[in-house]
Amino acid sequence: MIDHRPYALGKFIFTGDKKLYIRGVTYGPFRPDLNGDKYHNPRVVERDFAQIAANGLNAVRTYTVPPRWLLDAAERHGLRVMVGLPVEREASRCGASSVISVRYIDCGFMPQQLRRIATQAASSGSAIPQNIVSPSPGAIA
């Protein structure tokens, strides 16, 4: 069971007072199905996450905001989730060769816009699960 939300402190990630070593893989998005869903059905995701956890990994990174059921499945398997936000694609359009090197404000994003994008992406009508990796202690509330 995951009981503390991870947070960045300096160049490290912690849960509670313990350093968290991320060992993970990317997951999805996949080719949309007939309904436009970019993630497999829950049964396939459960199988994938069981295999990921059985191989000693503790995290998955998505490049789009996954459905809530996928976050719940990850938590059942003890996996943390690093969720990609739509703003990453926008940054590549402003000439950034790498998302890592881009300063979003240089691309015209204001802090309020970034907060709005993150809030919209995270809202699902229920509490944010503890397995979401947040860039800073107060970034996701």
N, C-alpha and C. Protein backbone atom coordinates (compact mmCIF):
# COMPACT_ATOMS: atom_id res chain seq x y z
N MET A 1 0.84 -1.19 0.00
CA MET A 1 0.00 0.00 0.00
C MET A 1 0.88 1.25 0.00
N ILE A 2 0.54 2.19 -0.83
CA ILE A 2 1.28 3.45 -0.92
C ILE A 2 0.65 4.43 0.06
N ASP A 3 1.46 4.93 0.99
CA ASP A 3 0.87 5.76 2.05
C ASP A 3 1.35 7.20 2.09
N HIS A 4 2.36 7.57 1.30
CA HIS A 4 2.82 8.95 1.28
C HIS A 4 2.95 9.43 -0.16
N ARG A 5 2.52 10.66 -0.42
CA ARG A 5 2.70 11.24 -1.74
C ARG A 5 4.16 11.63 -1.91
N PRO A 6 4.79 11.25 -3.02
CA PRO A 6 6.19 11.64 -3.25
C PRO A 6 6.31 13.14 -3.51
N TYR A 7 7.46 13.70 -3.21
CA TYR A 7 7.72 15.11 -3.48
C TYR A 7 9.21 15.30 -3.74
N ALA A 8 9.53 16.35 -4.49
CA ALA A 8 10.93 16.66 -4.80
C ALA A 8 11.50 17.54 -3.70
N LEU A 9 12.73 17.25 -3.32
CA LEU A 9 13.47 18.07 -2.37
C LEU A 9 14.90 18.13 -2.90
N GLY A 10 15.26 19.29 -3.45
CA GLY A 10 16.54 19.38 -4.12
C GLY A 10 16.48 18.51 -5.37
N LYS A 11 17.50 17.69 -5.56
CA LYS A 11 17.51 16.83 -6.75
C LYS A 11 17.00 15.42 -6.48
N PHE A 12 16.40 15.19 -5.32
CA PHE A 12 15.92 13.87 -4.96
C PHE A 12 14.40 13.86 -4.78
N ILE A 13 13.83 12.68 -4.81
CA ILE A 13 12.40 12.49 -4.57
C ILE A 13 12.26 11.71 -3.26
N PHE A 14 11.34 12.17 -2.42
CA PHE A 14 11.12 11.56 -1.11
C PHE A 14 9.67 11.15 -0.95
N THR A 15 9.44 10.17 -0.09
CA THR A 15 8.11 9.84 0.42
C THR A 15 8.25 9.86 1.93
N GLY A 16 7.51 10.74 2.56
CA GLY A 16 7.74 10.93 3.99
C GLY A 16 9.15 11.45 4.18
N ASP A 17 9.95 10.78 4.99
CA ASP A 17 11.34 11.21 5.19
C ASP A 17 12.33 10.25 4.52
N LYS A 18 11.84 9.36 3.66
CA LYS A 18 12.70 8.38 2.98
C LYS A 18 12.89 8.75 1.51
N LYS A 19 14.14 8.61 1.03
CA LYS A 19 14.45 8.86 -0.37
C LYS A 19 13.80 7.76 -1.21
N LEU A 20 13.16 8.18 -2.31
CA LEU A 20 12.51 7.24 -3.21
C LEU A 20 13.37 7.09 -4.47
N TYR A 21 13.75 5.89 -4.76
CA TYR A 21 14.52 5.60 -5.98
C TYR A 21 13.54 5.10 -7.03
N ILE A 22 13.33 5.90 -8.06
CA ILE A 22 12.39 5.56 -9.12
C ILE A 22 13.02 4.52 -10.05
N ARG A 23 12.34 3.41 -10.21
CA ARG A 23 12.72 2.37 -11.17
C ARG A 23 11.46 2.10 -11.98
N GLY A 24 11.41 2.67 -13.17
CA GLY A 24 10.16 2.56 -13.90
C GLY A 24 10.29 2.47 -15.40
N VAL A 25 9.13 2.43 -16.02
CA VAL A 25 9.01 2.34 -17.47
C VAL A 25 7.92 3.29 -17.94
N THR A 26 7.96 3.62 -19.23
CA THR A 26 6.86 4.40 -19.80
C THR A 26 5.70 3.44 -20.09
N TYR A 27 4.49 3.98 -20.05
CA TYR A 27 3.31 3.16 -20.31
C TYR A 27 2.31 3.99 -21.10
N GLY A 28 2.07 3.61 -22.36
CA GLY A 28 1.09 4.28 -23.20
C GLY A 28 1.56 5.65 -23.63
N PRO A 29 0.73 6.40 -24.27
CA PRO A 29 -0.59 5.98 -24.72
C PRO A 29 -0.48 5.04 -25.90
N PHE A 30 -1.53 4.27 -26.11
CA PHE A 30 -1.57 3.31 -27.19
C PHE A 30 -2.48 3.83 -28.29
N ARG A 31 -2.48 3.17 -29.43
CA ARG A 31 -3.37 3.57 -30.51
C ARG A 31 -4.80 3.55 -29.97
N PRO A 32 -5.55 4.63 -30.18
CA PRO A 32 -6.92 4.68 -29.67
C PRO A 32 -7.78 3.54 -30.23
N ASP A 33 -8.65 3.02 -29.36
CA ASP A 33 -9.57 1.98 -29.81
C ASP A 33 -10.78 2.63 -30.48
N LEU A 34 -11.80 1.86 -30.76
CA LEU A 34 -12.98 2.39 -31.45
C LEU A 34 -13.69 3.48 -30.66
N ASN A 35 -13.51 3.48 -29.32
CA ASN A 35 -14.12 4.50 -28.47
C ASN A 35 -13.21 5.72 -28.27
N GLY A 36 -12.01 5.67 -28.84
CA GLY A 36 -11.06 6.77 -28.67
C GLY A 36 -10.20 6.65 -27.43
N ASP A 37 -10.32 5.55 -26.69
CA ASP A 37 -9.53 5.36 -25.47
C ASP A 37 -8.09 5.05 -25.84
N LYS A 38 -7.15 5.72 -25.17
CA LYS A 38 -5.73 5.55 -25.46
C LYS A 38 -5.05 4.54 -24.54
N TYR A 39 -5.80 3.95 -23.64
CA TYR A 39 -5.25 2.93 -22.75
C TYR A 39 -6.07 1.67 -22.91
N HIS A 40 -5.41 0.52 -22.76
CA HIS A 40 -6.09 -0.76 -22.91
C HIS A 40 -7.19 -0.90 -21.88
N ASN A 41 -7.94 -1.94 -22.04
CA ASN A 41 -9.00 -2.17 -21.06
C ASN A 41 -8.38 -2.50 -19.71
N PRO A 42 -9.13 -2.34 -18.64
CA PRO A 42 -8.58 -2.55 -17.29
C PRO A 42 -7.95 -3.91 -17.06
N ARG A 43 -8.47 -4.96 -17.66
CA ARG A 43 -7.91 -6.30 -17.46
C ARG A 43 -6.49 -6.38 -18.01
N VAL A 44 -6.25 -5.77 -19.18
CA VAL A 44 -4.92 -5.77 -19.78
C VAL A 44 -3.96 -4.93 -18.92
N VAL A 45 -4.43 -3.79 -18.45
CA VAL A 45 -3.59 -2.93 -17.61
C VAL A 45 -3.23 -3.65 -16.32
N GLU A 46 -4.18 -4.33 -15.70
CA GLU A 46 -3.89 -5.10 -14.47
C GLU A 46 -2.79 -6.13 -14.74
N ARG A 47 -2.89 -6.84 -15.84
CA ARG A 47 -1.87 -7.85 -16.19
C ARG A 47 -0.51 -7.18 -16.41
N ASP A 48 -0.50 -6.08 -17.16
CA ASP A 48 0.76 -5.37 -17.42
C ASP A 48 1.39 -4.88 -16.13
N PHE A 49 0.58 -4.26 -15.26
CA PHE A 49 1.11 -3.72 -14.02
C PHE A 49 1.61 -4.82 -13.08
N ALA A 50 0.94 -5.96 -13.09
CA ALA A 50 1.41 -7.08 -12.27
C ALA A 50 2.80 -7.52 -12.74
N GLN A 51 3.00 -7.58 -14.05
CA GLN A 51 4.30 -7.97 -14.60
C GLN A 51 5.36 -6.91 -14.31
N ILE A 52 4.99 -5.65 -14.42
CA ILE A 52 5.94 -4.56 -14.13
C ILE A 52 6.41 -4.66 -12.68
N ALA A 53 5.45 -4.79 -11.76
CA ALA A 53 5.80 -4.88 -10.33
C ALA A 53 6.60 -6.16 -10.04
N ALA A 54 6.25 -7.27 -10.67
CA ALA A 54 6.96 -8.53 -10.43
C ALA A 54 8.42 -8.46 -10.88
N ASN A 55 8.72 -7.55 -11.79
CA ASN A 55 10.09 -7.40 -12.27
C ASN A 55 10.87 -6.35 -11.47
N GLY A 56 10.35 -5.95 -10.32
CA GLY A 56 11.08 -5.07 -9.42
C GLY A 56 10.98 -3.58 -9.72
N LEU A 57 10.09 -3.19 -10.61
CA LEU A 57 9.93 -1.77 -10.91
C LEU A 57 8.89 -1.17 -9.97
N ASN A 58 8.98 0.15 -9.76
CA ASN A 58 8.06 0.78 -8.81
C ASN A 58 7.32 1.98 -9.39
N ALA A 59 7.46 2.23 -10.71
CA ALA A 59 6.82 3.41 -11.29
C ALA A 59 6.51 3.22 -12.77
N VAL A 60 5.49 3.92 -13.22
CA VAL A 60 5.20 4.04 -14.65
C VAL A 60 5.07 5.52 -14.95
N ARG A 61 5.46 5.90 -16.17
CA ARG A 61 5.37 7.28 -16.61
C ARG A 61 4.43 7.30 -17.81
N THR A 62 3.37 8.10 -17.73
CA THR A 62 2.46 8.24 -18.85
C THR A 62 2.74 9.56 -19.55
N TYR A 63 2.45 9.63 -20.84
CA TYR A 63 2.67 10.87 -21.59
C TYR A 63 1.39 11.65 -21.79
N THR A 64 0.29 11.07 -21.37
CA THR A 64 -1.00 11.76 -21.37
C THR A 64 -1.65 11.48 -20.02
N VAL A 65 -2.68 12.21 -19.72
CA VAL A 65 -3.37 12.01 -18.45
C VAL A 65 -4.20 10.73 -18.56
N PRO A 66 -3.89 9.73 -17.73
CA PRO A 66 -4.62 8.46 -17.82
C PRO A 66 -5.96 8.54 -17.10
N PRO A 67 -6.85 7.59 -17.40
CA PRO A 67 -8.11 7.55 -16.66
C PRO A 67 -7.85 7.16 -15.21
N ARG A 68 -8.78 7.52 -14.34
CA ARG A 68 -8.64 7.26 -12.91
C ARG A 68 -8.47 5.76 -12.62
N TRP A 69 -9.16 4.91 -13.37
CA TRP A 69 -9.06 3.46 -13.12
C TRP A 69 -7.63 2.96 -13.31
N LEU A 70 -6.86 3.60 -14.22
CA LEU A 70 -5.47 3.20 -14.42
C LEU A 70 -4.64 3.58 -13.20
N LEU A 71 -4.89 4.76 -12.62
CA LEU A 71 -4.17 5.17 -11.40
C LEU A 71 -4.48 4.21 -10.25
N ASP A 72 -5.73 3.82 -10.15
CA ASP A 72 -6.12 2.87 -9.09
C ASP A 72 -5.44 1.52 -9.30
N ALA A 73 -5.36 1.08 -10.55
CA ALA A 73 -4.69 -0.20 -10.84
C ALA A 73 -3.21 -0.12 -10.47
N ALA A 74 -2.57 0.99 -10.79
CA ALA A 74 -1.16 1.17 -10.44
C ALA A 74 -0.99 1.09 -8.92
N GLU A 75 -1.87 1.74 -8.19
CA GLU A 75 -1.76 1.72 -6.73
C GLU A 75 -1.93 0.30 -6.17
N ARG A 76 -2.85 -0.46 -6.74
CA ARG A 76 -3.04 -1.85 -6.28
C ARG A 76 -1.78 -2.68 -6.45
N HIS A 77 -0.94 -2.31 -7.40
CA HIS A 77 0.30 -3.06 -7.66
C HIS A 77 1.53 -2.37 -7.06
N GLY A 78 1.29 -1.34 -6.23
CA GLY A 78 2.40 -0.66 -5.57
C GLY A 78 3.24 0.20 -6.51
N LEU A 79 2.63 0.66 -7.61
CA LEU A 79 3.37 1.47 -8.58
C LEU A 79 3.04 2.95 -8.43
N ARG A 80 4.07 3.77 -8.50
CA ARG A 80 3.89 5.22 -8.56
C ARG A 80 3.62 5.59 -10.01
N VAL A 81 2.97 6.74 -10.22
CA VAL A 81 2.68 7.20 -11.58
C VAL A 81 3.19 8.62 -11.76
N MET A 82 3.98 8.81 -12.81
CA MET A 82 4.43 10.14 -13.20
C MET A 82 3.61 10.51 -14.43
N VAL A 83 2.68 11.44 -14.26
CA VAL A 83 1.71 11.77 -15.29
C VAL A 83 2.20 12.93 -16.15
N GLY A 84 2.20 12.72 -17.46
CA GLY A 84 2.53 13.78 -18.39
C GLY A 84 1.35 14.71 -18.56
N LEU A 85 1.61 15.99 -18.73
CA LEU A 85 0.56 16.98 -18.93
C LEU A 85 0.57 17.48 -20.37
N PRO A 86 -0.56 17.93 -20.88
CA PRO A 86 -0.63 18.42 -22.26
C PRO A 86 0.34 19.57 -22.56
N VAL A 87 0.78 20.29 -21.57
CA VAL A 87 1.67 21.42 -21.79
C VAL A 87 3.01 20.98 -22.37
N GLU A 88 3.41 19.74 -22.17
CA GLU A 88 4.68 19.26 -22.70
C GLU A 88 4.70 19.32 -24.22
N ARG A 89 3.59 18.96 -24.86
CA ARG A 89 3.51 19.03 -26.32
C ARG A 89 3.57 20.47 -26.79
N GLU A 90 2.93 21.36 -26.05
CA GLU A 90 2.94 22.77 -26.42
C GLU A 90 4.35 23.34 -26.37
N ALA A 91 5.15 22.90 -25.40
CA ALA A 91 6.51 23.40 -25.27
C ALA A 91 7.35 23.04 -26.49
N SER A 92 7.11 21.88 -27.07
CA SER A 92 7.89 21.48 -28.24
C SER A 92 7.56 22.36 -29.43
N ARG A 93 6.39 22.97 -29.45
CA ARG A 93 6.00 23.85 -30.56
C ARG A 93 6.67 25.21 -30.50
N CYS A 94 7.26 25.56 -29.37
CA CYS A 94 7.89 26.88 -29.27
C CYS A 94 9.37 26.81 -29.58
N GLY A 95 9.82 25.70 -30.14
CA GLY A 95 11.21 25.58 -30.57
C GLY A 95 12.12 24.89 -29.59
N ALA A 96 11.58 24.38 -28.50
CA ALA A 96 12.42 23.69 -27.52
C ALA A 96 12.83 22.35 -28.09
N SER A 97 14.12 22.05 -28.04
CA SER A 97 14.58 20.77 -28.56
C SER A 97 14.35 19.65 -27.56
N SER A 98 14.14 20.00 -26.30
CA SER A 98 13.91 19.00 -25.27
C SER A 98 13.02 19.61 -24.21
N VAL A 99 12.03 18.84 -23.77
CA VAL A 99 11.15 19.32 -22.71
C VAL A 99 11.95 19.60 -21.45
N ILE A 100 13.00 18.82 -21.22
CA ILE A 100 13.81 19.01 -20.02
C ILE A 100 14.46 20.39 -20.00
N SER A 101 14.85 20.90 -21.18
CA SER A 101 15.57 22.17 -21.22
C SER A 101 14.67 23.38 -21.38
N VAL A 102 13.38 23.17 -21.59
CA VAL A 102 12.50 24.30 -21.85
C VAL A 102 12.10 25.00 -20.56
N ARG A 103 12.04 26.30 -20.65
CA ARG A 103 11.44 27.09 -19.57
C ARG A 103 10.07 27.49 -20.08
N TYR A 104 9.02 27.00 -19.46
CA TYR A 104 7.68 27.20 -19.97
C TYR A 104 7.32 28.67 -20.12
N ILE A 105 7.82 29.52 -19.26
CA ILE A 105 7.52 30.95 -19.36
C ILE A 105 8.11 31.50 -20.66
N ASP A 106 9.27 30.99 -21.10
CA ASP A 106 9.86 31.43 -22.36
C ASP A 106 8.96 31.07 -23.55
N CYS A 107 8.13 30.07 -23.39
CA CYS A 107 7.21 29.64 -24.46
C CYS A 107 5.87 30.35 -24.36
N GLY A 108 5.75 31.31 -23.46
CA GLY A 108 4.51 32.07 -23.33
C GLY A 108 3.55 31.55 -22.29
N PHE A 109 3.92 30.52 -21.56
CA PHE A 109 3.05 30.01 -20.50
C PHE A 109 3.27 30.82 -19.24
N MET A 110 2.20 31.27 -18.66
CA MET A 110 2.27 31.97 -17.39
C MET A 110 1.98 30.96 -16.28
N PRO A 111 2.49 31.22 -15.07
CA PRO A 111 2.26 30.28 -13.97
C PRO A 111 0.78 29.93 -13.77
N GLN A 112 -0.12 30.92 -13.96
CA GLN A 112 -1.55 30.64 -13.78
C GLN A 112 -2.04 29.63 -14.82
N GLN A 113 -1.52 29.74 -16.07
CA GLN A 113 -1.92 28.79 -17.11
C GLN A 113 -1.43 27.39 -16.78
N LEU A 114 -0.21 27.29 -16.30
CA LEU A 114 0.34 25.98 -15.93
C LEU A 114 -0.47 25.35 -14.81
N ARG A 115 -0.82 26.15 -13.81
CA ARG A 115 -1.62 25.63 -12.70
C ARG A 115 -3.00 25.18 -13.19
N ARG A 116 -3.62 25.96 -14.11
CA ARG A 116 -4.92 25.59 -14.66
C ARG A 116 -4.83 24.27 -15.42
N ILE A 117 -3.80 24.11 -16.26
CA ILE A 117 -3.63 22.88 -17.03
C ILE A 117 -3.44 21.69 -16.10
N ALA A 118 -2.61 21.85 -15.08
CA ALA A 118 -2.36 20.76 -14.13
C ALA A 118 -3.62 20.42 -13.36
N THR A 119 -4.37 21.43 -12.94
CA THR A 119 -5.60 21.21 -12.17
C THR A 119 -6.64 20.50 -13.02
N GLN A 120 -6.82 20.95 -14.27
CA GLN A 120 -7.79 20.30 -15.15
C GLN A 120 -7.40 18.84 -15.41
N ALA A 121 -6.12 18.61 -15.62
CA ALA A 121 -5.65 17.25 -15.90
C ALA A 121 -5.84 16.34 -14.69
N ALA A 122 -5.67 16.90 -13.50
CA ALA A 122 -5.74 16.08 -12.29
C ALA A 122 -7.15 15.88 -11.78
N SER A 123 -8.08 16.74 -12.18
CA SER A 123 -9.41 16.64 -11.59
C SER A 123 -10.18 15.47 -12.18
N SER A 124 -10.72 14.68 -11.28
CA SER A 124 -11.53 13.54 -11.71
C SER A 124 -12.77 13.43 -10.85
N GLY A 125 -13.03 14.46 -10.06
CA GLY A 125 -14.19 14.42 -9.19
C GLY A 125 -13.92 13.70 -7.88
N SER A 126 -12.68 13.26 -7.68
CA SER A 126 -12.34 12.58 -6.43
C SER A 126 -10.92 12.96 -6.05
N ALA A 127 -10.50 12.53 -4.90
CA ALA A 127 -9.18 12.91 -4.38
C ALA A 127 -8.07 12.34 -5.27
N ILE A 128 -6.96 13.07 -5.34
CA ILE A 128 -5.79 12.62 -6.08
C ILE A 128 -5.17 11.47 -5.30
N PRO A 129 -4.93 10.33 -5.95
CA PRO A 129 -4.35 9.20 -5.21
C PRO A 129 -2.92 9.48 -4.75
N GLN A 130 -2.49 8.77 -3.73
CA GLN A 130 -1.16 8.97 -3.15
C GLN A 130 -0.04 8.52 -4.07
N ASN A 131 -0.33 7.76 -5.12
CA ASN A 131 0.75 7.24 -5.95
C ASN A 131 1.18 8.19 -7.07
N ILE A 132 0.62 9.39 -7.12
CA ILE A 132 1.03 10.38 -8.11
C ILE A 132 2.32 11.03 -7.64
N VAL A 133 3.32 11.09 -8.52
CA VAL A 133 4.58 11.76 -8.19
C VAL A 133 4.44 13.23 -8.55
N SER A 134 4.58 14.09 -7.56
CA SER A 134 4.42 15.53 -7.72
C SER A 134 5.77 16.21 -7.81
N PRO A 135 5.89 17.25 -8.65
CA PRO A 135 7.18 17.93 -8.77
C PRO A 135 7.61 18.70 -7.54
N SER A 136 6.68 19.08 -6.69
CA SER A 136 7.04 19.78 -5.46
C SER A 136 5.97 19.50 -4.42
N PRO A 137 6.28 19.69 -3.12
CA PRO A 137 5.34 19.30 -2.08
C PRO A 137 3.94 19.87 -2.23
N GLY A 138 3.78 21.09 -2.72
CA GLY A 138 2.46 21.68 -2.82
C GLY A 138 1.90 21.74 -4.22
N ALA A 139 2.53 21.08 -5.18
CA ALA A 139 2.13 21.24 -6.58
C ALA A 139 0.78 20.63 -6.87
N ILE A 140 0.43 19.54 -6.25
CA ILE A 140 -0.87 18.91 -6.46
C ILE A 140 -1.56 18.82 -5.12
N ALA A 141 -2.69 19.49 -5.02
CA ALA A 141 -3.40 19.50 -3.74
C ALA A 141 -4.76 18.85 -3.89
